[in-house]
Amino acid sequence: SPAVSAGGTIQISAANIETQSVPAITPVLGQPYDVLVSGPITGYVQHMGFNATSGVITDLSSFRNGGATAP
């Protein structure tokens, strides 16, 4: 991913994750896949879902390290 400045954020779409993964992910309706975020980071990763029909944004995150460095 690109560098993220202190206090900054980046947003990566599911389509970009799928096409830029090695090997590329071919999504199958109803079949989930896992994404592992690794490396030395200070901060956290969020998984957000957006329902375009209802306009609802949902935080689906399961990991937040609260500023600690992830192993």
Protein backbone atom coordinates (compact mmCIF):
# COMPACT_ATOMS: atom_id res chain seq x y z
CA SER A 1 0.00 0.00 0.00
CA PRO A 2 1.09 3.59 -0.28
CA ALA A 3 2.74 5.29 2.71
CA VAL A 4 0.32 6.77 5.22
CA SER A 5 1.32 10.01 6.91
CA ALA A 6 0.96 10.45 10.68
CA GLY A 7 -2.72 10.94 11.50
CA GLY A 8 -3.65 10.02 7.92
CA THR A 9 -5.82 7.32 6.42
CA ILE A 10 -6.11 5.36 3.20
CA GLN A 11 -9.10 3.57 1.77
CA ILE A 12 -8.68 0.43 -0.32
CA SER A 13 -11.67 -1.05 -2.11
CA ALA A 14 -12.50 -4.75 -2.10
CA ALA A 15 -12.02 -4.71 -5.88
CA ASN A 16 -8.45 -3.42 -5.46
CA ILE A 17 -7.69 -6.02 -2.79
CA GLU A 18 -9.02 -8.77 -5.06
CA THR A 19 -7.13 -7.72 -8.19
CA GLN A 20 -3.85 -6.76 -6.48
CA SER A 21 -3.58 -9.84 -4.27
CA VAL A 22 -1.02 -12.48 -5.21
CA PRO A 23 -2.57 -14.61 -6.46
CA ALA A 24 -5.57 -12.52 -7.47
CA ILE A 25 -8.83 -13.34 -5.70
CA THR A 26 -11.84 -14.27 -7.80
CA PRO A 27 -14.85 -13.50 -5.60
CA VAL A 28 -17.61 -16.10 -5.41
CA LEU A 29 -21.05 -15.01 -4.18
CA GLY A 30 -21.64 -16.31 -0.67
CA GLN A 31 -18.04 -17.49 -0.22
CA PRO A 32 -16.00 -15.25 2.11
CA TYR A 33 -12.24 -14.86 2.07
CA ASP A 34 -9.78 -13.66 4.73
CA VAL A 35 -7.32 -10.80 4.37
CA LEU A 36 -4.24 -10.75 6.61
CA VAL A 37 -2.70 -7.37 7.36
CA SER A 38 0.89 -7.80 8.50
CA GLY A 39 4.03 -5.84 9.06
CA PRO A 40 5.14 -3.26 11.58
CA ILE A 41 2.30 -0.76 11.84
CA THR A 42 1.38 1.75 14.49
CA GLY A 43 -2.33 2.34 14.31
CA TYR A 44 -5.20 0.12 13.35
CA VAL A 45 -7.03 -1.41 10.43
CA GLN A 46 -10.77 -1.11 9.99
CA HIS A 47 -13.10 -3.16 7.82
CA MET A 48 -16.04 -1.00 6.82
CA GLY A 49 -19.08 -2.15 4.88
CA PHE A 50 -21.38 0.15 2.92
CA ASN A 51 -24.88 -0.80 1.82
CA ALA A 52 -25.63 1.45 -1.17
CA THR A 53 -29.35 0.62 -1.04
CA SER A 54 -29.92 1.70 2.57
CA GLY A 55 -27.00 4.14 2.85
CA VAL A 56 -25.81 2.37 6.01
CA ILE A 57 -22.10 2.18 6.87
CA THR A 58 -21.10 -0.66 9.22
CA ASP A 59 -17.81 -1.10 11.09
CA LEU A 60 -16.94 -4.78 10.64
CA SER A 61 -13.50 -4.51 12.25
CA SER A 62 -12.17 -7.25 14.46
CA PHE A 63 -8.67 -5.85 15.09
CA ARG A 64 -7.60 -2.58 16.63
CA ASN A 65 -4.22 -2.28 18.26
CA GLY A 66 -4.81 1.18 19.76
CA GLY A 67 -1.44 2.61 18.79
CA ALA A 68 0.69 -0.40 19.75
CA THR A 69 3.04 -1.87 17.19
CA ALA A 70 1.68 -5.08 15.70
CA PRO A 71 4.18 -7.99 15.57
